C-alpha cells in the first residue's frame, strides 16, 4: 500500500491518535506518555505559546502516522531541542521518522538554527532509538550516569547543521 504523505502542523483532531501512537510503541512509560501529552495539550490550548511546536506526518486521509515535537532552546543562539518523535508501529521502517527529522533539520536551518539536541534513555528499549539518531547524523555528546534511575543514563545527542 502506497500512501501520499505530507507534514503539517498539529490539529485538535490529532490528539487521540497521537496518544494511541505513543502507547502503541511500547517504548514509553505511562509517565513519559503523560509528559508527551502535556506538551501536545500546551500546543493545542495555547496558540501563542512559543516553546513547543508539533508537526504531524499524515497519510492521504489526513491521519497522523507519526509526529515530532521541538522548540528553540532558551538562552541559545540557534539551538533547538527535539523533545519527542513517535511513529505508529504499524508503519515503522517506512521512512516516516527519517522524514520527520529531515523536516525538522530543514525547518531549523531555514530559520538560522545551528544545531539540534535530543536526549534519550540508555535502557535497552531505547537501543533502536539511539541507532536511529546515529543513522540520522546525530553524535553522542554527553551521558549522565543514573540520571533517570540507577542504571538508566541520560544520553545526549547533537546534530550540527552548519
Foldseek 3Di string as FASTA:
>chain_A
DDWDKDKDWDDPVQLVVQLVQVVQLVLDDPVRSVVVSVLVVCVHVPVVDQAKTKMFIATPVRHGQKMWIKHADPPDQQEMETEDITGRPVCPPVCRRVVRVVVVLVVSVVVPHFKYKYKDKPDPSCPVVVVVCVVSPWDWDDWDAQPVHHPIIITMTMHTND
